[in-house]
Amino acid sequence: MSSSAHNESAQKEIDYYKARLKKLTSSYMTLEYRNASLAKDVLEMSEGLRVISQLQDRNDSNLTLEELLDTLTENINIRLKMDVTLLLIPKSEKNRSYKPKFIKAFNGYNSDVISQKSIFFAADFIESKSFIISNNSEEYSDFIAEIRQVLEIDHFILCPIINTDEIIGYIFTGRRTQLLQTGTGLVSYHHNILEAISSVISALRSQIDRNKILEKKVAKRTADLHKEKEISEKLLLNILPYETTIELKKNGFAKAKDYSVVTVLFTDFVNFTTYSEGLNPQELVAEIDFYYSAFDTIVSKYNVEKIKTIGDSYMCAAGLPVKNFTHASDAVNTALDIRDFVQKTKVDRIKQNKHFFDIRIGLNSGPVIAGIVGIKKFAYDIWGDTVNIASRMESNCEPGKINISKATYKLVQEDFDCTHRGVIDVKNKGLIDMYFVERFS
């Protein structure tokens, strides 16, 4: 072979290997670009998973839903290397107009102006529960153009947040054209990440809704229990003195107490038995309730403790359960007001040609024992000879009068007009000084 032919053959071989090397270099560079792009995608996917993980971890925190969403948009923007991230929230449940909230964006983005805008969503788009990747979607071109104009970003993903089959908002995230490294910019895995995030948001929303419902139920039940407790307290206080109820609730029992001096009051209607024979049970109860309700009000006025009623007899005592030095005057004032009420009622009923009552009232002062007995249907009661003498004061009284013993007289003689009746023989008690008492004229 000639030298010329040999050189030509060698050159062809060199050119072949040059072309081959160029092709391999190009393939290698392409592969490098692909590897770099893939590494970038893997990094973004990893960062996206980190966002989801952080969002799930915050589920048990004390942050509100708004605080969580604000943190979420910031994490999406930073970790997925986005230029703008926000949530589109409906103005109301039945409103298809959505406002941008929780905006996180680059420095030049006009967040204040954007936050005042709104985007109207077509009903069929909402019902379809579709997502949009703006750079590869032609189906919603008009809607995409509107979003680009309103939110001032060209390449974006719009992902619905679905809760119990209802859209409660959209995640919007996008990039500026000048910063995109490839023609696509945003791809399907970005949507996959956002879809996973929206699922976590939905779960959080459901949990918060359940917690709110539970809190409302707990609050209502607490209010009901509080109301029931108040009713129970009032019922208990209608049966027992306050101090006794406190002791009973604290210890499960209440000790009997000695009182060196209190004033006991008894009332009794004159000829009640004869009058009651002409009434049916409902009328009789209504009549007693009318008088006793007024007596209860008067007793409360002077801080006198109602003890019990037995038929037409009403019994109360002053100076217990809280001891005081005004018990005798308090009891006499109570007696005078009760007597005046009965007399006024008598005058009114005479005018109406209705039946009326006269009343006898007796008081005595001295030592008593007070407490509750038994384990069912608690009743606060007092015992002692002072109680028996007070009852005798009432039975030896005249209609429309208030009869007090000498023991009570000694305590109130300076404050009331007392008239000595003399010494009267009392059954089982012998001779006792008695006094009628009135207010000073």
Foldseek 3Di string as FASTA:
>chain_A
DDPVVVVVVVVVVVVVVVVVVVVVVVVVVVVVVVVVVVVLVVQLLVLLVVLLVVLLVCLPPPDDLLVSQLVSQVSNCPRNVFAKKWKWFAPDPPAQKTFTDSIDHDPVFPVVQLRPDIAGDDPVCQLVQDKDFQLPDDPPVVSLVVCCVSRVANTWIWHFQAAPNHTRIIIITHHHPVPAPDSRRDDDVSRVSVNSSSPSSNVSVVVVVVVVVVVVVVVVVVVVVVVVVVVVVVVVCVFDPPVQVVVCVVPVFGDKDKDFKKKKKKKAWPPPVVVCVPDDPVVLVVVLCVLVVVLVVLCVVLVWAWADADRRMTMIMFQPPPGDLCRLVSVVSSVQVSLVVQVVVVVVCVVVVHDGIWMFMFMEMGMWMWGWDDDPPTGIHIDDVRNVVRVQQRVPGDTSWYKYFPRSCVSCVVQWPKAWPAWDQTVPPGTTTMITTDHDD
